Amino acid sequence: VALDLGRAAAPVAAALAEHGIMAGAGDFYAGRALAAQGVDPGQGVLRLSFVHYTTKDEIDRLLNVLNDVLQARFDPGRGRA
């Protein structure tokens, strides 16, 4: 799954890694395809991979941590840039 965050994806992937969640960030050799969809290839996308044995608990943890990371690092109301 590739997510357009509307901001640079690399810092988000790095923050997820700090929580033991591996994610990729970049254009994944699809810069023209991203641009055609209105995604800034320079910011890239956040890439998450799932397999048949990924559990619901793992997905819930990912969503909770991703939400926390996006709010803590990028919510101006929380005093961080």
N, C-alpha and C. Protein backbone atom coordinates (compact mmCIF):
# COMPACT_ATOMS: atom_id res chain seq x y z
N VAL A 1 0.85 -1.16 0.00
CA VAL A 1 0.00 0.00 0.00
C VAL A 1 0.90 1.23 0.00
N ALA A 2 0.65 2.17 -0.89
CA ALA A 2 1.41 3.41 -0.95
C ALA A 2 0.50 4.56 -0.54
N LEU A 3 0.93 5.33 0.44
CA LEU A 3 0.13 6.43 0.96
C LEU A 3 0.78 7.77 0.63
N ASP A 4 0.00 8.67 0.03
CA ASP A 4 0.44 10.04 -0.18
C ASP A 4 0.09 10.82 1.07
N LEU A 5 1.09 11.22 1.83
CA LEU A 5 0.86 11.94 3.08
C LEU A 5 0.73 13.44 2.88
N GLY A 6 1.02 13.91 1.67
CA GLY A 6 0.98 15.35 1.43
C GLY A 6 2.16 16.07 2.05
N ARG A 7 3.16 15.34 2.41
CA ARG A 7 4.40 15.87 3.01
C ARG A 7 5.48 14.81 2.80
N ALA A 8 6.70 15.14 3.12
CA ALA A 8 7.81 14.20 2.93
C ALA A 8 7.55 12.91 3.70
N ALA A 9 7.65 11.78 3.02
CA ALA A 9 7.37 10.49 3.63
C ALA A 9 8.55 9.95 4.44
N ALA A 10 9.78 10.32 4.09
CA ALA A 10 10.96 9.75 4.75
C ALA A 10 10.98 9.98 6.26
N PRO A 11 10.68 11.18 6.76
CA PRO A 11 10.67 11.35 8.22
C PRO A 11 9.62 10.50 8.92
N VAL A 12 8.51 10.26 8.26
CA VAL A 12 7.47 9.42 8.86
C VAL A 12 7.95 7.97 8.91
N ALA A 13 8.57 7.49 7.84
CA ALA A 13 9.10 6.14 7.83
C ALA A 13 10.16 5.98 8.92
N ALA A 14 11.01 6.98 9.10
CA ALA A 14 12.04 6.93 10.15
C ALA A 14 11.41 6.90 11.54
N ALA A 15 10.35 7.67 11.73
CA ALA A 15 9.67 7.69 13.03
C ALA A 15 8.99 6.35 13.30
N LEU A 16 8.41 5.74 12.29
CA LEU A 16 7.81 4.42 12.46
C LEU A 16 8.88 3.40 12.85
N ALA A 17 10.05 3.50 12.23
CA ALA A 17 11.14 2.59 12.55
C ALA A 17 11.56 2.70 14.01
N GLU A 18 11.48 3.90 14.57
CA GLU A 18 11.79 4.08 15.99
C GLU A 18 10.84 3.29 16.88
N HIS A 19 9.69 2.94 16.33
CA HIS A 19 8.69 2.15 17.06
C HIS A 19 8.69 0.69 16.61
N GLY A 20 9.71 0.30 15.85
CA GLY A 20 9.81 -1.08 15.40
C GLY A 20 8.91 -1.44 14.24
N ILE A 21 8.42 -0.44 13.54
CA ILE A 21 7.55 -0.67 12.38
C ILE A 21 8.31 -0.26 11.13
N MET A 22 8.52 -1.21 10.24
CA MET A 22 9.28 -0.94 9.04
C MET A 22 8.35 -0.48 7.92
N ALA A 23 8.73 0.61 7.30
CA ALA A 23 7.99 1.17 6.17
C ALA A 23 9.01 1.78 5.21
N GLY A 24 8.65 1.86 3.97
CA GLY A 24 9.52 2.48 2.99
C GLY A 24 9.03 3.87 2.65
N ALA A 25 9.92 4.67 2.10
CA ALA A 25 9.56 6.01 1.66
C ALA A 25 10.34 6.33 0.40
N GLY A 26 9.68 6.99 -0.53
CA GLY A 26 10.35 7.39 -1.77
C GLY A 26 9.39 7.36 -2.93
N ASP A 27 9.97 7.38 -4.14
CA ASP A 27 9.12 7.32 -5.33
C ASP A 27 9.07 5.91 -5.92
N PHE A 28 9.92 5.02 -5.43
CA PHE A 28 9.93 3.61 -5.83
C PHE A 28 9.97 3.45 -7.35
N TYR A 29 10.80 4.29 -7.98
CA TYR A 29 11.00 4.26 -9.44
C TYR A 29 9.71 4.52 -10.20
N ALA A 30 8.77 5.23 -9.59
CA ALA A 30 7.50 5.53 -10.24
C ALA A 30 7.22 7.03 -10.21
N GLY A 31 8.26 7.83 -10.33
CA GLY A 31 8.11 9.28 -10.25
C GLY A 31 7.10 9.85 -11.23
N ARG A 32 7.16 9.39 -12.48
CA ARG A 32 6.22 9.91 -13.48
C ARG A 32 4.79 9.48 -13.17
N ALA A 33 4.61 8.25 -12.72
CA ALA A 33 3.27 7.78 -12.37
C ALA A 33 2.72 8.54 -11.18
N LEU A 34 3.57 8.82 -10.20
CA LEU A 34 3.12 9.59 -9.04
C LEU A 34 2.73 11.00 -9.47
N ALA A 35 3.58 11.63 -10.27
CA ALA A 35 3.29 12.99 -10.73
C ALA A 35 1.98 13.04 -11.51
N ALA A 36 1.72 12.01 -12.31
CA ALA A 36 0.48 11.96 -13.09
C ALA A 36 -0.75 11.88 -12.19
N GLN A 37 -0.55 11.39 -10.96
CA GLN A 37 -1.66 11.28 -10.00
C GLN A 37 -1.71 12.47 -9.05
N GLY A 38 -0.84 13.45 -9.29
CA GLY A 38 -0.83 14.64 -8.45
C GLY A 38 -0.01 14.51 -7.19
N VAL A 39 0.82 13.48 -7.12
CA VAL A 39 1.69 13.28 -5.96
C VAL A 39 3.05 13.87 -6.28
N ASP A 40 3.62 14.63 -5.36
CA ASP A 40 4.95 15.20 -5.54
C ASP A 40 5.99 14.09 -5.38
N PRO A 41 6.66 13.68 -6.47
CA PRO A 41 7.65 12.62 -6.37
C PRO A 41 8.79 12.96 -5.42
N GLY A 42 9.07 14.25 -5.24
CA GLY A 42 10.13 14.67 -4.32
C GLY A 42 9.79 14.36 -2.88
N GLN A 43 8.51 14.38 -2.54
CA GLN A 43 8.09 14.03 -1.18
C GLN A 43 7.93 12.53 -1.04
N GLY A 44 7.64 11.87 -2.13
CA GLY A 44 7.47 10.43 -2.12
C GLY A 44 6.20 9.99 -1.43
N VAL A 45 6.07 8.69 -1.31
CA VAL A 45 4.93 8.08 -0.64
C VAL A 45 5.45 7.19 0.48
N LEU A 46 4.59 6.90 1.43
CA LEU A 46 4.90 5.95 2.50
C LEU A 46 4.39 4.60 2.03
N ARG A 47 5.29 3.62 2.00
CA ARG A 47 4.91 2.30 1.50
C ARG A 47 4.86 1.31 2.66
N LEU A 48 3.71 0.66 2.77
CA LEU A 48 3.47 -0.33 3.81
C LEU A 48 3.16 -1.66 3.14
N SER A 49 3.72 -2.73 3.66
CA SER A 49 3.49 -4.05 3.06
C SER A 49 2.83 -4.97 4.07
N PHE A 50 1.91 -5.76 3.57
CA PHE A 50 1.18 -6.72 4.39
C PHE A 50 1.25 -8.09 3.72
N VAL A 51 1.18 -9.13 4.52
CA VAL A 51 1.16 -10.49 4.01
C VAL A 51 0.00 -11.23 4.65
N HIS A 52 -0.22 -12.44 4.20
CA HIS A 52 -1.38 -13.20 4.68
C HIS A 52 -1.35 -13.48 6.18
N TYR A 53 -0.17 -13.44 6.79
CA TYR A 53 -0.10 -13.71 8.23
C TYR A 53 0.01 -12.43 9.07
N THR A 54 -0.16 -11.26 8.45
CA THR A 54 -0.21 -10.02 9.22
C THR A 54 -1.49 -10.07 10.06
N THR A 55 -1.34 -9.82 11.36
CA THR A 55 -2.50 -9.93 12.25
C THR A 55 -3.24 -8.61 12.37
N LYS A 56 -4.47 -8.71 12.81
CA LYS A 56 -5.27 -7.52 13.07
C LYS A 56 -4.60 -6.66 14.13
N ASP A 57 -4.01 -7.28 15.15
CA ASP A 57 -3.32 -6.53 16.19
C ASP A 57 -2.15 -5.73 15.63
N GLU A 58 -1.41 -6.32 14.68
CA GLU A 58 -0.30 -5.60 14.05
C GLU A 58 -0.80 -4.40 13.25
N ILE A 59 -1.89 -4.58 12.55
CA ILE A 59 -2.46 -3.47 11.78
C ILE A 59 -2.97 -2.39 12.71
N ASP A 60 -3.64 -2.78 13.78
CA ASP A 60 -4.11 -1.80 14.76
C ASP A 60 -2.95 -1.02 15.35
N ARG A 61 -1.86 -1.72 15.68
CA ARG A 61 -0.67 -1.05 16.23
C ARG A 61 -0.10 -0.06 15.22
N LEU A 62 0.02 -0.49 13.96
CA LEU A 62 0.50 0.41 12.91
C LEU A 62 -0.35 1.66 12.83
N LEU A 63 -1.65 1.50 12.80
CA LEU A 63 -2.54 2.66 12.67
C LEU A 63 -2.42 3.59 13.87
N ASN A 64 -2.32 3.02 15.06
CA ASN A 64 -2.18 3.85 16.26
C ASN A 64 -0.86 4.61 16.27
N VAL A 65 0.23 3.92 15.95
CA VAL A 65 1.54 4.57 15.94
C VAL A 65 1.61 5.60 14.82
N LEU A 66 1.10 5.27 13.64
CA LEU A 66 1.11 6.22 12.53
C LEU A 66 0.33 7.47 12.90
N ASN A 67 -0.81 7.31 13.52
CA ASN A 67 -1.60 8.46 13.96
C ASN A 67 -0.80 9.30 14.96
N ASP A 68 -0.18 8.65 15.93
CA ASP A 68 0.61 9.37 16.92
C ASP A 68 1.78 10.11 16.28
N VAL A 69 2.47 9.44 15.35
CA VAL A 69 3.62 10.05 14.68
C VAL A 69 3.19 11.27 13.88
N LEU A 70 2.12 11.14 13.13
CA LEU A 70 1.67 12.27 12.31
C LEU A 70 1.23 13.44 13.18
N GLN A 71 0.56 13.17 14.26
CA GLN A 71 0.12 14.25 15.14
C GLN A 71 1.30 14.87 15.88
N ALA A 72 2.18 14.07 16.43
CA ALA A 72 3.29 14.58 17.24
C ALA A 72 4.30 15.34 16.40
N ARG A 73 4.55 14.88 15.20
CA ARG A 73 5.60 15.49 14.39
C ARG A 73 5.09 16.58 13.47
N PHE A 74 3.82 16.58 13.16
CA PHE A 74 3.36 17.47 12.10
C PHE A 74 2.14 18.30 12.45
N ASP A 75 1.63 18.18 13.64
CA ASP A 75 0.45 18.95 14.04
C ASP A 75 0.91 20.25 14.67
N PRO A 76 0.72 21.40 13.99
CA PRO A 76 1.18 22.68 14.54
C PRO A 76 0.58 22.98 15.90
N GLY A 77 -0.59 22.44 16.18
CA GLY A 77 -1.23 22.66 17.46
C GLY A 77 -0.50 22.00 18.62
N ARG A 78 0.40 21.07 18.31
CA ARG A 78 1.16 20.39 19.35
C ARG A 78 2.57 20.96 19.48
N GLY A 79 2.82 22.06 18.77
CA GLY A 79 4.07 22.78 18.95
C GLY A 79 5.29 22.23 18.25
N ARG A 80 5.10 21.36 17.28
CA ARG A 80 6.24 20.82 16.54
C ARG A 80 6.03 21.05 15.06
N ALA A 81 7.13 21.14 14.35
CA ALA A 81 7.05 21.33 12.89
C ALA A 81 7.22 20.02 12.18
